[in-house]
């Protein structure tokens, strides 16, 4: 039986590896450096399935930046 490659499935499968590779200290510094800015307009080019948006929600980034917008673009 031949399986068809699914890029979406691949991105979902590698999320735990990506999560482990992200440096939470860098994230904390991002929040620290941008908190005074208040609302942000975030543009992610190459967002794939949107896992970074999910992470930012899980990490309460938007609670620290109420009113922010996040736009993800992928081909």
N, C-alpha and C. Protein backbone atom coordinates (compact mmCIF):
# COMPACT_ATOMS: atom_id res chain seq x y z
N UNK A 1 0.84 -1.17 0.00
CA UNK A 1 0.00 0.00 0.00
C UNK A 1 0.89 1.25 0.00
N UNK A 2 0.58 2.20 -0.84
CA UNK A 2 1.35 3.43 -0.95
C UNK A 2 0.64 4.56 -0.22
N UNK A 3 1.37 5.23 0.66
CA UNK A 3 0.80 6.38 1.36
C UNK A 3 1.09 7.64 0.58
N UNK A 4 0.11 8.53 0.56
CA UNK A 4 0.29 9.82 -0.07
C UNK A 4 0.85 10.80 0.94
N UNK A 5 1.87 11.55 0.52
CA UNK A 5 2.48 12.53 1.42
C UNK A 5 1.50 13.67 1.67
N UNK A 6 1.37 14.05 2.92
CA UNK A 6 0.53 15.19 3.30
C UNK A 6 1.40 16.18 4.08
N UNK A 7 1.60 17.35 3.49
CA UNK A 7 2.40 18.36 4.16
C UNK A 7 1.74 18.79 5.47
N UNK A 8 0.43 18.90 5.47
CA UNK A 8 -0.29 19.27 6.69
C UNK A 8 -0.07 18.23 7.78
N UNK A 9 -0.13 16.97 7.43
CA UNK A 9 0.11 15.90 8.40
C UNK A 9 1.54 15.94 8.91
N UNK A 10 2.48 16.19 8.01
CA UNK A 10 3.89 16.31 8.38
C UNK A 10 4.10 17.44 9.39
N UNK A 11 3.53 18.62 9.12
CA UNK A 11 3.68 19.76 10.04
C UNK A 11 3.07 19.46 11.40
N UNK A 12 1.93 18.80 11.41
CA UNK A 12 1.29 18.45 12.68
C UNK A 12 2.14 17.44 13.45
N UNK A 13 2.74 16.49 12.74
CA UNK A 13 3.55 15.45 13.39
C UNK A 13 4.83 16.01 13.99
N UNK A 14 5.38 17.06 13.40
CA UNK A 14 6.64 17.59 13.91
C UNK A 14 6.45 18.68 14.97
N UNK A 15 5.24 18.98 15.33
CA UNK A 15 5.01 20.02 16.33
C UNK A 15 5.73 19.74 17.66
N UNK A 16 5.68 18.53 18.20
CA UNK A 16 6.39 18.29 19.47
C UNK A 16 7.89 18.58 19.38
N UNK A 17 8.50 18.28 18.24
CA UNK A 17 9.93 18.56 18.05
C UNK A 17 10.15 20.08 18.03
N UNK A 18 9.29 20.79 17.30
CA UNK A 18 9.40 22.25 17.25
C UNK A 18 9.18 22.87 18.62
N UNK A 19 8.20 22.36 19.35
CA UNK A 19 7.92 22.89 20.70
C UNK A 19 9.16 22.75 21.59
N UNK A 20 9.81 21.60 21.52
CA UNK A 20 10.98 21.35 22.36
C UNK A 20 12.16 22.24 21.95
N UNK A 21 12.20 22.65 20.68
CA UNK A 21 13.32 23.45 20.19
C UNK A 21 13.15 24.94 20.48
N UNK A 22 11.95 25.38 20.79
CA UNK A 22 11.73 26.80 21.04
C UNK A 22 12.27 27.21 22.41
N UNK A 23 12.90 28.34 22.45
CA UNK A 23 13.53 28.83 23.67
C UNK A 23 12.55 29.76 24.39
N UNK A 24 12.04 29.32 25.52
CA UNK A 24 11.07 30.12 26.27
C UNK A 24 11.70 31.39 26.83
N UNK A 25 13.01 31.42 27.02
CA UNK A 25 13.67 32.65 27.48
C UNK A 25 13.61 33.71 26.39
N UNK A 26 13.73 33.31 25.15
CA UNK A 26 13.62 34.25 24.04
C UNK A 26 12.19 34.78 23.98
N UNK A 27 11.22 33.90 24.17
CA UNK A 27 9.82 34.33 24.20
C UNK A 27 9.59 35.34 25.33
N UNK A 28 10.09 35.04 26.51
CA UNK A 28 9.93 35.95 27.65
C UNK A 28 10.55 37.31 27.35
N UNK A 29 11.68 37.32 26.68
CA UNK A 29 12.33 38.58 26.31
C UNK A 29 11.49 39.34 25.29
N UNK A 30 10.89 38.62 24.35
CA UNK A 30 10.00 39.24 23.37
C UNK A 30 8.86 39.96 24.08
N UNK A 31 8.23 39.30 25.01
CA UNK A 31 7.13 39.92 25.76
C UNK A 31 7.64 41.12 26.54
N UNK A 32 8.76 40.96 27.21
CA UNK A 32 9.35 42.05 28.00
C UNK A 32 9.63 43.28 27.14
N UNK A 33 10.19 43.05 25.98
CA UNK A 33 10.58 44.17 25.10
C UNK A 33 9.39 44.82 24.39
N UNK A 34 8.30 44.09 24.25
CA UNK A 34 7.16 44.64 23.49
C UNK A 34 5.96 45.01 24.35
N UNK A 35 5.99 44.71 25.63
CA UNK A 35 4.82 44.93 26.49
C UNK A 35 4.39 46.40 26.50
N UNK A 36 5.34 47.31 26.48
CA UNK A 36 5.00 48.73 26.51
C UNK A 36 4.32 49.19 25.22
N UNK A 37 4.51 48.44 24.14
CA UNK A 37 3.91 48.80 22.86
C UNK A 37 2.41 48.55 22.85
N UNK A 38 1.92 47.74 23.77
CA UNK A 38 0.50 47.42 23.79
C UNK A 38 0.13 46.51 22.64
N UNK A 39 -0.87 46.91 21.87
CA UNK A 39 -1.33 46.09 20.76
C UNK A 39 -0.29 46.04 19.65
N UNK A 40 -0.11 44.87 19.09
CA UNK A 40 0.86 44.67 18.01
C UNK A 40 0.15 44.15 16.77
N UNK A 41 0.73 44.41 15.63
CA UNK A 41 0.29 43.80 14.38
C UNK A 41 1.37 42.80 13.99
N UNK A 42 1.06 41.52 14.08
CA UNK A 42 2.02 40.46 13.81
C UNK A 42 1.72 39.85 12.45
N UNK A 43 2.75 39.71 11.62
CA UNK A 43 2.62 39.06 10.32
C UNK A 43 3.59 37.89 10.28
N UNK A 44 3.06 36.70 10.08
CA UNK A 44 3.91 35.51 9.95
C UNK A 44 3.80 35.02 8.52
N UNK A 45 4.91 35.07 7.81
CA UNK A 45 4.95 34.58 6.44
C UNK A 45 5.50 33.17 6.47
N UNK A 46 4.75 32.24 5.92
CA UNK A 46 5.13 30.83 5.97
C UNK A 46 4.60 30.18 7.22
N UNK A 47 3.34 30.47 7.56
CA UNK A 47 2.77 30.04 8.84
C UNK A 47 2.38 28.56 8.88
N UNK A 48 2.42 27.88 7.74
CA UNK A 48 2.07 26.46 7.74
C UNK A 48 0.65 26.26 8.24
N UNK A 49 0.49 25.41 9.25
CA UNK A 49 -0.84 25.12 9.78
C UNK A 49 -1.23 26.05 10.93
N UNK A 50 -0.41 27.03 11.21
CA UNK A 50 -0.75 28.00 12.25
C UNK A 50 -0.35 27.61 13.65
N UNK A 51 0.63 26.75 13.78
CA UNK A 51 1.00 26.30 15.13
C UNK A 51 1.61 27.41 15.98
N UNK A 52 2.29 28.38 15.37
CA UNK A 52 2.85 29.46 16.19
C UNK A 52 1.72 30.30 16.77
N UNK A 53 0.68 30.53 16.00
CA UNK A 53 -0.48 31.25 16.53
C UNK A 53 -1.08 30.49 17.70
N UNK A 54 -1.19 29.17 17.56
CA UNK A 54 -1.70 28.35 18.67
C UNK A 54 -0.80 28.47 19.89
N UNK A 55 0.53 28.41 19.68
CA UNK A 55 1.46 28.53 20.80
C UNK A 55 1.31 29.87 21.50
N UNK A 56 1.26 30.94 20.72
CA UNK A 56 1.13 32.27 21.32
C UNK A 56 -0.14 32.37 22.16
N UNK A 57 -1.20 31.73 21.69
CA UNK A 57 -2.43 31.69 22.49
C UNK A 57 -2.24 30.89 23.77
N UNK A 58 -1.59 29.73 23.65
CA UNK A 58 -1.34 28.89 24.82
C UNK A 58 -0.43 29.59 25.83
N UNK A 59 0.50 30.39 25.35
CA UNK A 59 1.46 31.09 26.21
C UNK A 59 0.95 32.45 26.66
N UNK A 60 -0.29 32.78 26.34
CA UNK A 60 -0.96 34.02 26.74
C UNK A 60 -0.28 35.28 26.21
N UNK A 61 0.30 35.18 25.03
CA UNK A 61 0.92 36.35 24.41
C UNK A 61 -0.11 37.45 24.18
N UNK A 62 -1.30 37.07 23.76
CA UNK A 62 -2.30 38.07 23.44
C UNK A 62 -2.96 38.65 24.69
N UNK A 63 -2.83 37.98 25.82
CA UNK A 63 -3.26 38.56 27.08
C UNK A 63 -2.36 39.72 27.46
N UNK A 64 -1.08 39.60 27.13
CA UNK A 64 -0.11 40.66 27.41
C UNK A 64 -0.16 41.76 26.36
N UNK A 65 -0.78 41.46 25.22
CA UNK A 65 -0.86 42.42 24.11
C UNK A 65 -2.30 42.49 23.61
N UNK A 66 -3.20 42.87 24.49
CA UNK A 66 -4.62 42.93 24.14
C UNK A 66 -4.83 43.82 22.92
N UNK A 67 -5.72 43.39 22.04
CA UNK A 67 -6.04 44.16 20.86
C UNK A 67 -5.10 43.90 19.68
N UNK A 68 -4.14 43.00 19.86
CA UNK A 68 -3.20 42.69 18.79
C UNK A 68 -3.89 41.94 17.66
N UNK A 69 -3.31 42.04 16.47
CA UNK A 69 -3.78 41.25 15.34
C UNK A 69 -2.66 40.33 14.87
N UNK A 70 -3.04 39.18 14.37
CA UNK A 70 -2.07 38.19 13.89
C UNK A 70 -2.54 37.74 12.52
N UNK A 71 -1.70 37.92 11.53
CA UNK A 71 -2.02 37.49 10.18
C UNK A 71 -1.01 36.46 9.77
N UNK A 72 -1.49 35.30 9.34
CA UNK A 72 -0.62 34.24 8.86
C UNK A 72 -0.86 34.01 7.39
N UNK A 73 0.24 33.89 6.63
CA UNK A 73 0.16 33.69 5.19
C UNK A 73 1.01 32.48 4.84
N UNK A 74 0.47 31.61 4.03
CA UNK A 74 1.23 30.47 3.54
C UNK A 74 0.75 30.13 2.14
N UNK A 75 1.63 29.56 1.36
CA UNK A 75 1.32 29.25 -0.04
C UNK A 75 0.81 27.91 -0.18
